[in-house]
Protein backbone atom coordinates (compact mmCIF):
# COMPACT_ATOMS: atom_id res chain seq x y z
CA MET A 1 63.51 105.91 38.22
CA LYS A 2 65.60 107.47 35.34
CA PRO A 3 69.07 106.46 34.74
CA ILE A 4 70.25 110.11 35.19
CA ASP A 5 68.67 110.36 38.47
CA LEU A 6 70.19 107.18 39.64
CA LEU A 7 73.83 108.47 38.47
CA GLN A 8 73.01 111.68 40.63
CA LEU A 9 72.14 109.54 43.71
CA LEU A 10 75.10 107.51 43.64
CA THR A 11 77.30 110.42 43.01
CA SER A 12 75.87 112.19 46.15
CA PHE A 13 76.23 109.06 48.19
CA VAL A 14 80.19 108.79 47.37
CA LEU A 15 80.52 112.65 47.79
CA VAL A 16 79.22 111.76 51.28
CA CYS A 17 81.53 109.11 52.31
CA VAL A 18 84.37 110.86 51.18
CA ALA A 19 83.63 114.09 53.08
CA LEU A 20 83.22 111.50 56.37
CA MET A 21 86.11 109.80 55.68
CA TRP A 22 88.23 112.94 55.25
CA LEU A 23 86.76 114.33 58.85
CA LEU A 24 87.27 110.85 60.54
CA ASN A 25 91.21 110.57 59.38
CA LEU A 26 91.36 114.52 60.01
CA ARG A 27 90.28 114.00 63.77
CA LYS A 28 92.21 110.80 64.20
CA ARG A 29 95.25 112.85 62.99
CA ARG A 30 94.71 115.65 65.24
CA ALA A 31 94.30 113.22 68.38
CA LYS A 32 97.67 111.80 67.42
CA LEU A 33 99.48 114.64 67.15
CA ALA A 34 98.23 116.44 69.79
CA PHE A 35 99.74 117.53 73.29
CA ALA A 36 98.30 117.66 76.58
CA PRO A 37 96.68 121.21 76.88
CA ALA A 38 98.74 124.25 78.36
CA VAL A 39 98.74 123.73 82.63
CA PRO A 40 98.26 126.96 84.63
CA ASP A 41 101.16 128.17 86.46
CA ASP A 42 100.37 126.40 89.55
CA LYS A 43 100.50 123.15 88.07
CA PRO A 44 103.33 120.65 87.31
CA ALA A 45 104.97 121.13 83.94
CA PHE A 46 104.25 117.51 83.27
CA SER A 47 100.67 115.82 82.86
CA PHE A 48 99.66 112.29 82.31
CA ARG A 49 98.10 111.66 79.01
CA ARG A 50 94.62 110.10 78.87
CA LYS A 51 93.90 106.92 76.83
CA SER A 52 91.83 107.55 73.53
CA LYS A 53 88.80 105.41 73.58
CA LYS A 54 90.13 103.19 71.12
CA ILE A 55 93.02 102.54 72.93
CA ALA A 56 90.66 101.87 76.17
CA GLU A 57 88.67 99.76 74.19
CA GLU A 58 91.46 97.27 72.96
CA GLU A 59 92.75 97.14 76.22
CA ALA A 60 89.64 96.20 77.86
CA ALA A 61 89.31 93.51 75.61
CA ALA A 62 92.91 92.17 76.12
CA GLU A 63 92.15 92.32 79.67
CA ALA A 64 89.62 89.23 79.71
CA GLU A 65 92.62 87.19 77.74
CA ALA A 66 95.60 87.80 79.77
CA PRO A 67 96.63 88.45 83.30
CA VAL A 68 96.02 92.20 84.75
CA PRO A 69 99.21 94.16 85.06
CA LEU A 70 99.91 95.68 88.49
CA MET A 71 99.28 99.32 86.95
CA ARG A 72 98.82 99.69 83.53
CA ARG A 73 101.65 102.05 81.61
CA ARG A 74 100.69 105.95 81.57
CA GLN A 75 102.78 108.46 79.63
CA ILE A 76 104.11 111.95 81.10
CA LEU A 77 104.09 114.81 78.72
CA PRO A 78 105.33 118.27 78.57
CA PRO A 79 102.97 121.15 77.98
CA ALA A 80 102.21 122.60 74.67
CA GLU A 81 103.38 125.95 76.03
CA THR A 82 105.82 127.31 78.22
CA THR A 83 105.19 130.66 80.30
CA GLU A 84 108.71 131.42 80.75
CA THR A 85 111.88 132.09 78.57
CA ASP A 86 115.63 131.42 78.99
CA ASN A 87 116.32 135.18 79.70
CA GLU A 88 113.55 135.50 82.23
CA PRO A 89 113.34 132.13 84.60
CA SER A 90 110.21 132.07 86.83
CA ALA A 91 110.36 132.76 90.50
CA GLU A 92 110.92 130.10 93.16
CA PRO A 93 107.93 127.39 93.46
CA SER A 94 105.98 127.73 96.91
CA ASN A 95 105.41 124.19 97.00
CA PRO A 96 106.96 121.12 96.03
CA SER A 97 104.78 120.17 92.94
CA ALA A 98 105.68 123.86 91.65
CA ALA A 99 109.20 122.77 91.37
CA ALA A 100 108.67 121.73 87.74
CA GLU A 101 108.07 124.75 86.57
CA HIS A 102 111.83 125.62 86.70
CA SER A 103 112.85 122.65 84.54
CA THR A 104 111.11 123.27 81.39
CA PRO A 105 112.56 121.62 77.97
CA ILE A 106 115.38 123.77 77.39
CA GLY A 107 115.47 126.34 74.36
CA ASP A 108 118.45 127.57 71.96
CA THR A 109 121.13 126.66 74.19
CA ASP A 110 124.21 124.86 72.58
CA TRP A 111 123.59 121.73 74.61
CA SER A 112 119.74 121.56 74.14
CA GLU A 113 117.91 118.64 73.17
CA PRO A 114 114.52 118.22 71.93
CA GLU A 115 113.00 121.72 72.27
CA GLN A 116 108.83 121.87 71.54
CA ALA A 117 109.30 123.31 68.43
CA ASP A 118 106.20 122.95 66.88
CA ALA A 119 102.83 122.52 69.58
CA GLU A 120 100.60 122.00 66.77
CA ALA A 121 102.35 119.43 64.83
CA GLY A 122 103.39 117.86 67.94
CA GLN A 123 107.21 117.51 67.50
CA PHE A 124 110.50 118.40 69.12
CA THR A 125 113.40 119.77 67.37
CA GLN A 126 116.35 117.29 67.51
CA PRO A 127 119.82 118.65 68.02
CA ASP A 128 122.81 116.83 66.68
CA GLU A 129 126.04 116.36 68.76
CA ALA A 130 127.12 120.13 68.01
CA GLY A 131 124.16 121.43 69.17
CA VAL A 132 122.77 122.01 65.68
CA ALA A 133 119.16 121.24 65.22
CA VAL A 134 118.36 118.40 62.82
CA GLU A 135 114.91 116.91 61.58
CA PRO A 136 112.52 115.35 64.21
CA SER A 137 112.48 111.75 64.48
CA PRO A 138 109.47 109.81 62.02
CA GLU A 139 106.06 110.46 63.40
CA PRO A 140 104.50 107.41 65.28
CA SER A 141 102.07 105.74 63.32
CA ASP A 142 98.51 104.88 64.11
CA THR A 143 99.19 100.93 64.59
CA PRO A 144 99.86 100.63 68.77
CA ASP A 145 103.30 99.43 69.70
CA GLN A 146 104.91 100.06 66.19
CA LEU A 147 107.10 102.98 65.04
CA SER A 148 106.07 102.51 62.01
CA SER A 149 103.82 100.78 59.56
CA ASP A 150 106.52 98.46 58.22
CA GLY A 151 108.11 98.31 62.07
CA SER A 152 111.01 100.17 61.30
CA ILE A 153 113.45 101.32 63.88
CA SER A 154 115.11 104.97 64.29
CA ASP A 155 118.47 106.44 65.55
CA GLU A 156 116.89 108.95 67.75
CA GLU A 157 115.48 107.97 71.18
CA SER A 158 112.18 109.79 71.70
CA ILE A 159 111.03 108.48 75.05
CA SER A 160 112.59 106.97 77.90
CA VAL A 161 110.64 104.81 80.49
CA ILE A 162 110.49 105.55 84.36
CA LEU A 163 110.36 102.74 86.90
CA ARG A 164 107.85 104.15 89.31
CA ARG A 165 107.63 102.30 92.87
CA PRO A 166 103.80 102.52 94.05
CA VAL A 167 103.43 103.52 97.77
CA MET A 168 102.32 101.34 99.36
CA PRO A 169 102.10 98.14 96.78
CA ASP A 170 99.18 95.87 96.99
CA ALA A 171 100.57 92.83 98.23
CA ASP A 172 98.35 90.74 96.33
CA ALA A 173 98.70 92.37 93.11
CA HIS A 174 99.91 90.21 89.80
CA VAL A 175 103.12 91.75 89.26
CA ARG A 176 104.98 91.83 85.97
CA SER A 177 107.91 93.88 86.55
CA TRP A 178 109.64 94.38 89.83
CA LEU A 179 112.89 95.35 91.83
CA GLY A 180 114.75 93.34 94.06
CA GLY A 181 113.02 90.11 95.45
CA LEU A 182 113.72 86.84 93.37
CA PRO A 183 113.60 86.00 89.65
CA GLU A 184 111.15 83.88 87.57
CA MET A 185 112.82 81.76 85.42
CA PRO A 186 112.28 78.65 83.35
CA ASP A 187 114.05 75.45 85.19
CA ASP A 188 116.67 75.20 81.94
CA VAL A 189 117.81 78.76 82.71
CA GLU A 190 121.06 78.77 85.01
CA TRP A 191 121.18 81.82 87.73
CA PRO A 192 124.03 83.81 86.59
CA GLN A 193 127.58 83.31 88.14
CA ALA A 194 131.26 84.61 87.54
CA ILE A 195 134.56 84.51 89.02
CA SER A 196 134.91 87.78 91.30
CA ALA A 197 137.21 90.34 90.20
CA GLU A 198 137.35 91.04 93.84
CA ASP A 199 138.61 88.03 94.98
CA PRO A 200 139.43 85.39 92.51
CA SER A 201 140.09 82.54 94.65
CA LEU A 202 136.63 82.42 95.68
CA GLY A 203 135.88 80.64 92.23
CA LYS A 204 132.56 81.61 90.61
CA VAL A 205 129.85 83.45 93.04
CA PRO A 206 126.45 84.06 91.87
CA HIS A 207 125.36 87.19 91.09
CA HIS A 208 122.64 89.04 93.01
CA PHE A 209 119.00 89.73 91.51
CA LEU A 210 118.37 93.45 90.91
CA ALA A 211 115.27 93.51 88.63
CA GLN A 212 113.05 92.16 86.12
CA ILE A 213 111.13 93.92 83.38
CA SER A 214 108.26 92.48 81.45
CA CYS A 215 109.04 93.30 77.79
CA ALA A 216 105.74 93.09 76.75
CA ASP A 217 104.98 96.43 78.54
CA LEU A 218 107.70 98.22 76.95
CA PRO A 219 106.27 101.09 74.41
CA GLN A 220 107.69 100.00 70.93
CA GLU A 221 109.49 103.61 70.44
CA LEU A 222 112.20 102.65 73.48
CA TRP A 223 115.62 102.38 72.41
CA GLY A 224 114.48 103.60 69.19
CA GLY A 225 112.39 100.53 68.48
CA ARG A 226 114.99 97.87 69.46
CA GLY A 227 115.10 95.46 71.72
CA PRO A 228 112.48 92.29 72.58
CA ARG A 229 109.00 93.18 73.14
CA GLU A 230 108.21 89.72 74.41
CA GLY A 231 109.37 87.63 77.44
CA SER A 232 111.40 89.44 80.26
CA LEU A 233 114.85 91.39 81.06
CA LEU A 234 116.79 90.06 84.12
CA PHE A 235 119.28 91.86 85.39
CA PHE A 236 121.92 90.64 88.05
CA VAL A 237 124.79 92.50 89.56
CA ASP A 238 127.77 92.10 92.31
CA PRO A 239 126.81 94.37 94.60
CA ASN A 240 130.14 94.22 96.80
CA VAL A 241 132.63 94.59 93.82
CA GLY A 242 134.25 98.22 94.54
CA CYS A 243 135.06 99.23 90.94
CA PRO A 244 132.42 96.99 88.34
CA ASP A 245 134.52 97.60 85.17
CA ASP A 246 134.32 94.15 83.51
CA ASP A 247 131.53 91.74 82.59
CA THR A 248 132.18 89.75 85.86
CA SER A 249 130.25 91.88 87.95
CA HIS A 250 126.63 91.86 86.05
CA SER A 251 124.58 89.78 84.17
CA VAL A 252 121.61 90.54 81.66
CA LEU A 253 119.20 87.71 80.57
CA HIS A 254 116.43 87.86 78.18
CA ILE A 255 113.94 84.70 78.98
CA THR A 256 110.99 83.79 76.75
CA GLY A 257 109.66 81.22 78.21
CA SER A 258 107.47 80.93 81.38
CA GLY A 259 108.98 80.41 84.71
CA THR A 260 108.41 80.27 88.36
CA GLU A 261 110.35 82.14 91.41
CA ARG A 262 113.50 80.74 91.73
CA PRO A 263 115.38 80.48 95.06
CA ALA A 264 118.36 82.03 95.55
CA PRO A 265 121.43 79.73 95.66
CA ASP A 266 122.75 78.48 98.82
CA THR A 267 126.00 79.89 98.16
CA LEU A 268 124.83 83.61 97.40
CA GLY A 269 126.30 85.84 100.22
CA PRO A 270 124.80 89.16 101.71
CA VAL A 271 123.68 91.80 99.46
CA HIS A 272 126.30 93.73 101.42
CA ASN A 273 129.15 92.53 102.98
CA LYS A 274 130.54 95.72 104.74
CA VAL A 275 134.09 96.08 102.84
CA TYR A 276 132.92 99.21 100.82
CA THR A 277 130.78 101.93 101.84
CA GLY A 278 127.10 102.30 100.84
CA GLY A 279 125.45 99.08 100.04
CA SER A 280 122.06 97.75 101.85
CA TYR A 281 121.25 97.16 105.42
CA ASN A 282 123.93 98.94 107.32
CA TRP A 283 121.51 99.12 110.19
CA LEU A 284 122.01 95.02 110.55
CA PRO A 285 125.24 93.30 112.01
CA ILE A 286 127.17 91.34 109.03
CA ASP A 287 125.57 88.25 110.10
CA ASN A 288 121.85 89.44 109.57
CA VAL A 289 122.31 91.12 106.49
CA PRO A 290 119.92 89.07 103.94
CA PRO A 291 121.32 87.65 100.36
CA VAL A 292 118.23 88.99 98.45
CA TRP A 293 116.69 92.62 98.45
CA ARG A 294 112.89 93.17 99.14
CA LYS A 295 110.81 93.18 96.63
CA TRP A 296 109.06 95.89 94.93
CA PRO A 297 106.61 96.24 91.98
CA VAL A 298 106.99 99.08 89.23
CA GLU A 299 105.06 100.86 87.19
CA LEU A 300 106.27 101.70 83.40
CA LEU A 301 106.07 105.58 82.74
CA GLU A 302 106.75 106.53 79.42
CA THR A 303 108.41 110.34 79.24
CA PRO A 304 109.53 112.39 76.59
CA ASN A 305 113.44 111.76 76.25
CA VAL A 306 113.86 115.50 76.28
CA LEU A 307 116.66 117.49 78.25
CA HIS A 308 115.67 120.27 81.08
CA ASP A 309 117.38 123.30 82.12
CA ILE A 310 118.21 123.09 86.17
CA ASP A 311 120.22 125.87 87.38
CA GLY A 312 121.84 126.45 83.68
CA HIS A 313 122.81 122.58 83.58
CA PRO A 314 121.22 120.17 81.18
CA SER A 315 119.35 117.44 83.03
CA ALA A 316 117.34 114.38 81.96
CA THR A 317 114.77 114.88 84.70
CA PRO A 318 113.15 117.99 85.50
CA ALA A 319 113.44 119.49 89.16
CA GLY A 320 111.18 118.16 91.96
CA PHE A 321 110.55 115.20 89.84
CA SER A 322 109.26 113.08 93.07
CA SER A 323 106.40 115.26 93.13
CA ILE A 324 105.35 114.88 89.36
CA LEU A 325 105.81 111.38 89.60
CA TYR A 326 103.42 110.99 92.45
CA ASP A 327 100.85 113.26 91.18
CA GLY A 328 101.69 116.32 93.83
CA ALA A 329 101.75 114.05 96.79
CA PRO A 330 103.93 114.89 99.56
CA VAL A 331 107.35 113.83 99.43
CA ALA A 332 110.11 113.80 102.55
CA ASP A 333 113.69 113.88 101.83
CA ARG A 334 114.46 110.48 104.28
CA VAL A 335 113.43 107.25 105.46
CA THR A 336 115.62 107.49 108.22
CA GLY A 337 114.09 108.52 111.36
CA THR A 338 110.73 108.45 109.84
CA VAL A 339 109.46 105.82 112.67
CA THR A 340 110.80 106.38 115.94
CA THR A 341 108.52 104.35 118.58
CA PRO A 342 108.57 100.52 118.37
CA TYR A 343 104.86 99.17 117.37
CA THR A 344 105.93 95.43 118.79
CA TYR A 345 107.25 93.74 121.88
CA GLY A 346 110.21 92.44 119.83
CA GLN A 347 111.41 95.85 118.54
CA SER A 348 111.27 97.25 122.30
CA ALA A 349 113.50 94.38 123.47
CA ASN A 350 115.69 95.27 120.32
CA ALA A 351 115.98 98.82 121.83
CA LEU A 352 116.71 97.60 125.15
CA ARG A 353 119.52 95.07 123.91
CA GLN A 354 121.37 97.97 121.68
CA LEU A 355 121.36 100.25 124.68
CA ALA A 356 122.97 97.29 126.73
CA ALA A 357 125.86 96.76 123.68
CA ARG A 358 126.52 100.60 123.56
CA MET A 359 126.66 100.35 127.45
CA ARG A 360 129.19 97.49 127.69
CA ASN A 361 131.89 99.59 125.52
CA GLU A 362 134.50 101.29 127.60
CA PRO A 363 134.34 104.95 128.30
CA ARG A 364 136.31 107.18 126.27
CA GLU A 365 140.10 107.66 127.38
CA VAL A 366 140.76 110.49 129.67
CA ALA A 367 143.58 112.06 127.41
CA SER A 368 145.42 111.64 124.29
CA THR A 369 149.10 110.81 124.34
CA GLU A 370 150.17 114.04 123.58
CA ALA A 371 148.08 115.74 126.33
CA LEU A 372 149.18 113.36 128.81
CA ASN A 373 152.69 114.10 127.91
CA MET A 374 151.96 117.78 128.42
CA VAL A 375 150.03 117.16 131.73
CA VAL A 376 153.43 115.83 133.58
CA GLU A 377 154.70 119.12 133.47
CA ASN A 378 153.56 121.17 136.13
CA ARG A 379 153.93 124.40 134.06
CA ALA A 380 151.32 123.15 131.73
CA ILE A 381 148.99 122.28 134.94
CA ASN A 382 149.71 125.97 136.62
CA ARG A 383 148.56 127.42 133.28
CA LEU A 384 145.60 125.34 132.91
CA LEU A 385 144.58 126.67 136.26
CA GLU A 386 145.17 130.15 135.55
CA SER A 387 143.13 129.49 132.41
CA LEU A 388 139.94 128.14 134.74
CA GLN A 389 140.47 131.01 137.03
CA HIS A 390 140.09 133.30 134.39
CA ALA A 391 137.07 131.95 132.93
CA ARG A 392 135.75 131.86 136.69
CA ALA A 393 136.07 135.69 136.36
CA LYS A 394 134.55 136.27 133.33
CA ILE A 395 131.29 134.40 134.43
CA ASP A 396 131.11 136.60 137.51
CA THR A 397 130.57 139.56 134.90
CA GLN A 398 127.57 137.70 133.25
CA GLU A 399 124.49 139.67 134.01
CA ASP A 400 121.96 137.02 133.20
CA PRO A 401 121.75 134.77 136.32
CA ASP A 402 120.21 131.84 134.74
CA LEU A 403 123.24 131.48 131.95
CA ARG A 404 125.74 132.45 134.77
CA ALA A 405 124.33 129.80 137.21
CA ARG A 406 124.72 127.04 134.09
CA GLN A 407 128.30 128.32 133.72
CA LEU A 408 129.00 127.85 136.99
CA GLU A 409 127.74 124.15 137.47
CA ASP A 410 129.95 123.04 134.42
CA LEU A 411 133.11 125.08 135.52
CA LEU A 412 133.24 124.63 139.39
CA PRO A 413 134.03 120.80 139.46
CA ARG A 414 136.60 121.26 136.60
CA LEU A 415 138.35 124.37 138.92
CA ALA A 416 138.07 122.30 142.10
CA LEU A 417 139.84 119.20 140.60
CA VAL A 418 142.80 121.24 138.97
CA THR A 419 143.08 123.29 142.59
CA GLU A 420 143.22 119.68 144.69
CA VAL A 421 145.70 118.10 142.74
CA SER A 422 149.56 119.00 144.09
CA SER A 423 151.18 117.10 140.97
CA ALA A 424 150.76 115.69 137.70
CA GLY A 425 150.47 111.95 138.62
CA GLU A 426 147.80 113.18 141.10
CA LEU A 427 145.77 114.79 138.46
CA VAL A 428 145.83 111.61 135.80
CA GLU A 429 144.83 109.53 139.05
CA MET A 430 142.03 111.60 139.71
CA LEU A 431 141.31 111.69 135.88
CA ASN A 432 141.33 108.13 135.82
CA ARG A 433 139.51 107.51 138.84
CA GLU A 434 136.61 109.45 137.45
CA ARG A 435 136.64 107.45 134.35
CA SER A 436 136.32 104.31 136.51
CA LYS A 437 133.17 105.71 138.09
CA VAL A 438 131.57 105.92 134.71
CA ALA A 439 132.79 102.34 133.60
CA LYS A 440 130.76 101.15 136.42
CA TRP A 441 127.48 103.39 136.05
CA ARG A 442 127.57 101.85 132.07
CA ALA A 443 127.81 98.01 133.57
CA SER A 444 124.86 98.97 135.99
CA ILE A 445 122.42 100.62 133.16
CA ALA A 446 123.63 97.19 130.96
CA LYS A 447 122.29 95.15 133.62
CA HIS A 448 119.10 97.06 134.19
CA CYS A 449 118.34 96.72 130.22
CA VAL A 450 118.64 92.62 130.73
CA ASN A 451 116.49 92.71 133.66
CA LEU A 452 114.04 94.74 131.87
CA GLU A 453 114.23 92.80 128.60
CA LYS A 454 113.36 89.60 131.29
CA LEU A 455 110.16 91.39 132.12
CA LEU A 456 109.46 91.42 128.45
CA ALA A 457 110.03 87.82 127.46
CA GLY A 458 106.23 86.71 128.46
CA GLU A 459 105.25 88.64 125.30
CA ASN A 460 105.58 87.29 121.75
CA ASP A 461 107.81 89.59 119.56
CA ASP A 462 105.10 90.53 117.26
CA THR A 463 102.56 91.10 119.94
CA PRO A 464 101.49 94.82 119.19
CA LEU A 465 103.44 97.40 121.95
CA PRO A 466 100.98 99.91 123.05
CA ARG A 467 102.32 103.58 123.07
CA GLU A 468 102.10 103.85 126.64
CA ASN A 469 103.93 100.60 127.51
CA TRP A 470 107.17 101.93 125.58
CA GLU A 471 106.99 105.27 127.26
CA GLU A 472 106.80 103.35 130.56
CA LEU A 473 110.13 101.67 129.47
CA GLN A 474 111.74 104.76 128.42
CA GLN A 475 111.10 106.45 132.01
CA CYS A 476 113.08 103.78 133.47
CA PHE A 477 115.98 105.76 132.18
CA VAL A 478 115.14 109.15 132.61
CA GLY A 479 117.75 111.19 134.76
CA GLN A 480 120.24 108.36 134.36
CA SER A 481 123.64 109.99 133.50
CA ALA A 482 127.46 110.02 134.62
CA SER A 483 130.24 112.42 133.89
CA MET A 484 133.90 112.56 133.59
CA PHE A 485 136.79 114.59 132.73
CA GLU A 486 138.81 115.31 129.68
CA VAL A 487 142.20 116.71 128.94
CA GLY A 488 142.30 118.32 125.63
CA ILE A 489 145.04 120.52 124.23
CA ASP A 490 144.04 124.19 122.91
CA TYR A 491 146.13 124.68 120.18
CA ASN A 492 145.08 128.61 119.15
CA HIS A 493 146.15 129.61 122.72
CA PRO A 494 148.23 133.09 122.53
CA ASP A 495 151.08 131.47 124.70
CA GLY A 496 151.27 128.24 122.13
CA LYS A 497 149.65 124.90 122.97
CA ALA A 498 147.93 124.86 126.32
CA LEU A 499 145.88 122.35 128.17
CA THR A 500 142.00 122.48 128.32
CA LEU A 501 140.06 120.65 130.63
CA THR A 502 136.32 119.55 129.64
CA THR A 503 133.25 117.54 131.30
CA VAL A 504 132.11 114.62 129.54
CA LYS A 505 128.59 114.02 130.22
CA GLU A 506 126.97 110.79 129.45
CA THR A 507 122.97 109.66 129.38
CA ALA A 508 121.12 106.28 129.35
CA GLU A 509 118.03 107.37 126.82
CA LEU A 510 116.10 104.53 125.56
CA GLU A 511 115.60 105.10 121.78
CA ALA A 512 114.19 102.85 118.74
CA ALA A 513 116.83 100.37 117.70
CA ASP A 514 118.65 101.39 114.41
CA GLY A 515 116.83 100.82 111.30
CA LEU A 516 113.17 100.75 112.51
CA SER A 517 112.01 102.77 109.92
CA GLN A 518 113.57 100.26 107.39
CA LEU A 519 111.84 97.76 109.27
CA ALA A 520 108.59 98.94 109.10
CA ILE A 521 109.04 99.04 105.05
CA LEU A 522 109.89 95.35 105.24
CA ASP A 523 106.94 94.51 107.16
CA SER A 524 104.71 96.71 105.38
CA LEU A 525 105.61 94.96 101.97
CA ASP A 526 104.89 91.21 103.47
CA ALA A 527 101.60 90.28 102.85
CA ASP A 528 102.00 88.01 106.59
CA ARG A 529 103.11 90.95 108.52
CA SER A 530 101.79 94.39 106.96
CA ALA A 531 98.81 93.82 109.72
CA LEU A 532 101.57 94.44 112.38
CA VAL A 533 101.90 97.95 111.18
CA PRO A 534 100.04 100.71 112.52
CA ASP A 535 98.04 102.96 109.97
CA THR A 536 99.63 105.78 111.42
CA VAL A 537 103.39 104.49 110.82
CA LYS A 538 102.56 103.43 107.10
CA GLU A 539 101.24 106.56 106.44
CA ALA A 540 104.07 108.58 108.59
CA ILE A 541 106.56 106.68 105.92
CA LYS A 542 104.64 107.19 102.61
CA PRO A 543 105.87 110.38 102.10
CA ALA A 544 109.39 109.36 102.11
CA LEU A 545 108.74 106.60 100.14
CA ARG A 546 108.03 109.14 97.23
CA ASN A 547 111.35 110.73 97.35
CA LEU A 548 113.94 110.29 94.39
CA TYR A 549 117.61 110.52 96.03
CA ALA A 550 119.18 113.44 94.15
CA ASN A 551 116.20 113.56 91.94
CA ARG A 552 117.53 110.60 90.21
CA PRO A 553 114.70 107.96 89.06
CA HIS A 554 115.31 104.61 87.77
CA ARG A 555 114.65 104.30 83.75
CA LEU A 556 115.11 102.58 80.84
CA GLY A 557 116.70 104.16 77.99
CA GLY A 558 117.02 107.87 76.86
CA TYR A 559 119.65 110.24 78.75
CA HIS A 560 120.97 108.88 81.98
CA ASP A 561 120.95 111.08 85.02
CA GLY A 562 124.65 111.14 85.50
CA VAL A 563 126.48 111.44 89.13
CA GLN A 564 129.99 112.14 87.41
CA THR A 565 129.19 112.44 83.94
CA THR A 566 126.92 114.77 81.83
CA VAL A 567 123.87 113.42 79.69
CA SER A 568 126.25 113.74 76.59
CA GLU A 569 128.83 111.79 77.49
CA ARG A 570 128.15 108.31 76.26
CA ALA A 571 129.05 106.43 72.96
CA ASP A 572 126.93 107.29 70.03
CA ASP A 573 126.54 103.57 69.07
CA THR A 574 125.28 102.59 72.69
CA VAL A 575 121.91 103.39 74.68
CA LEU A 576 121.04 103.26 78.29
CA LEU A 577 119.29 100.07 78.65
CA LEU A 578 118.84 100.37 82.51
CA GLN A 579 119.80 103.01 85.13
CA ILE A 580 119.36 101.95 88.92
CA ALA A 581 119.62 105.03 91.16
CA THR A 582 120.17 104.89 95.05
CA ASP A 583 117.02 104.62 96.59
CA GLU A 584 116.29 104.57 100.22
CA ALA A 585 113.30 102.81 100.42
CA MET A 586 114.66 99.92 98.72
CA ASP A 587 117.88 100.28 100.90
CA TRP A 588 119.88 100.54 98.09
CA CYS A 589 123.01 103.01 98.20
CA TRP A 590 125.57 102.13 95.64
CA GLY A 591 129.02 103.22 96.63
CA ASP A 592 128.47 106.93 97.93
CA SER A 593 125.19 107.42 96.76
CA GLY A 594 125.73 106.68 93.37
CA ALA A 595 124.03 104.74 90.12
CA TYR A 596 124.34 101.92 88.10
CA TYR A 597 124.50 102.17 84.61
CA PHE A 598 123.68 99.08 82.02
CA TRP A 599 124.78 100.08 78.62
CA ILE A 600 124.47 98.15 75.36
CA ASP A 601 125.23 98.54 71.64
CA LYS A 602 122.26 99.23 69.35
CA SER A 603 123.25 96.33 67.02
CA ASP A 604 123.54 94.11 69.80
CA LEU A 605 120.05 95.27 71.15
CA ALA A 606 118.64 95.16 67.91
CA ASN A 607 119.70 91.35 67.77
CA GLY A 608 118.79 90.58 70.97
CA ASP A 609 122.22 90.04 72.02
CA PHE A 610 122.67 90.79 75.80
CA SER A 611 125.84 89.06 76.31
CA ARG A 612 128.35 91.84 75.82
CA VAL A 613 126.01 94.57 78.01
CA SER A 614 128.52 96.91 79.77
CA MET A 615 127.80 98.25 83.28
CA THR A 616 129.20 101.42 85.07
CA LEU A 617 129.23 102.84 88.52
CA GLU A 618 129.04 106.60 89.31
CA CYS A 619 128.74 107.99 93.01
CA CYS A 620 129.96 111.06 94.44
């Protein structure tokens, strides 16, 4: 072969290689910068990003060497295009999953945060504090879990991480991050404790464990690239402090060594001591409130740190986020009242005990002190009689015979009572006599409950209760009722204050004991008791378990979902370490349906120093 032919061949080969490398690099860059495709109008404004083939292969290889996490991290992204403008709001969605269409990233308002300015480049325009757009954050590199090739950090927070509870979680799955339960700590790490600001006389008291987060599962972009990416973050709190505004009410630990589940200290009190409103396990008496919350694994979902317009106000979370978070699955508002039929004999016995306890209470008083003072005036009784007679005449003009009959049934006993008495003292005596009859009736119902409970004693508390057996128990109380009279005051009477006489009717209805829905959740989360819960009950409570109270999720980093503060009200040198919201599925109610916010200085987070973390409580 001639030298010139060899040179031409080598040149052609080099050109082909360069062209191939250029095409591969272009494809790689487009894959990195591309947003999710535009979604139809009837789809949520967020969608889950699919893994690239390279990442999927890397994760598959890692699975062979490491424990499998409960769920893999997925990313939620906004659409590449929006179909509505600030001046042309979309129509009201016809279903929950479409609610997100009303919360697209905000446009050119003076408080807007990252707007999708360039869909092709995949960048958001970042505003400064005054709302003026500034340059976007540095673009992520190709290296997984790094902001850039040199591992640099950013002053801007481009993402937030949502803590999503799976519904229902697999009791046997390997768990890496979770809410409630007990922490996993090395033996040489002490359980956090502090002198209570609420009652210093108690000395040091242990904090309650709140959450454990696997740092290895956190995206590198979180918190602007700051913070650990190995070990775990453990969060503790004193939930029984009214105003947790100092460092004695919370603790945050970063542990790097492996550990085992740590039992709670013997001195750890109930998670809710009933002093303040809110709290947990309000359906239980104080002596039965546990020292540990239920354990619930969480999946870490990455989402852009953007603001959304909800009814003209900036929000860290898009409207209808529950439906988005759970892929459009049904969402219900409340857990309470979801389960109304006991499914074990023990629960039916609890229902009988609850009814018996209610019946042992004394009936209400026949009148207030002010009303009784008016009763002693014969003139007041005469006016009461006139009022009842006037009501009787008005009923006679009622054309509807059924309505007239019901009204007469209620009025005639009261009219007869006042007509028969000859003095104020006699009226009071008759009222108390009727009250005594109700008290005796209550006692008989309580005794009836005790006798029925004895009949159930032969069954184990966890024995499944057929629905027809529960209905038979309820039939034992059908028609059981008693009535008494109550004297009140009409402050709006034309002639001034006047007495009123009303009938108070009581019924004895056997209903499921308080907290049955919460008990069903606890049983479902317990591997040893989950089989007790009928599949129909589990399916019934699932929609409520997906609900985000007040559309407020648990989250790491990014903007906070404020209860009393706005998303912009925070110090520039701090970041949101953790937001823990009111969550009925966890039986969490912070204050009056609020949230805990853990804040940390940027420099402390970069240095791995969690000793100065601050915590605030916001509630309605």
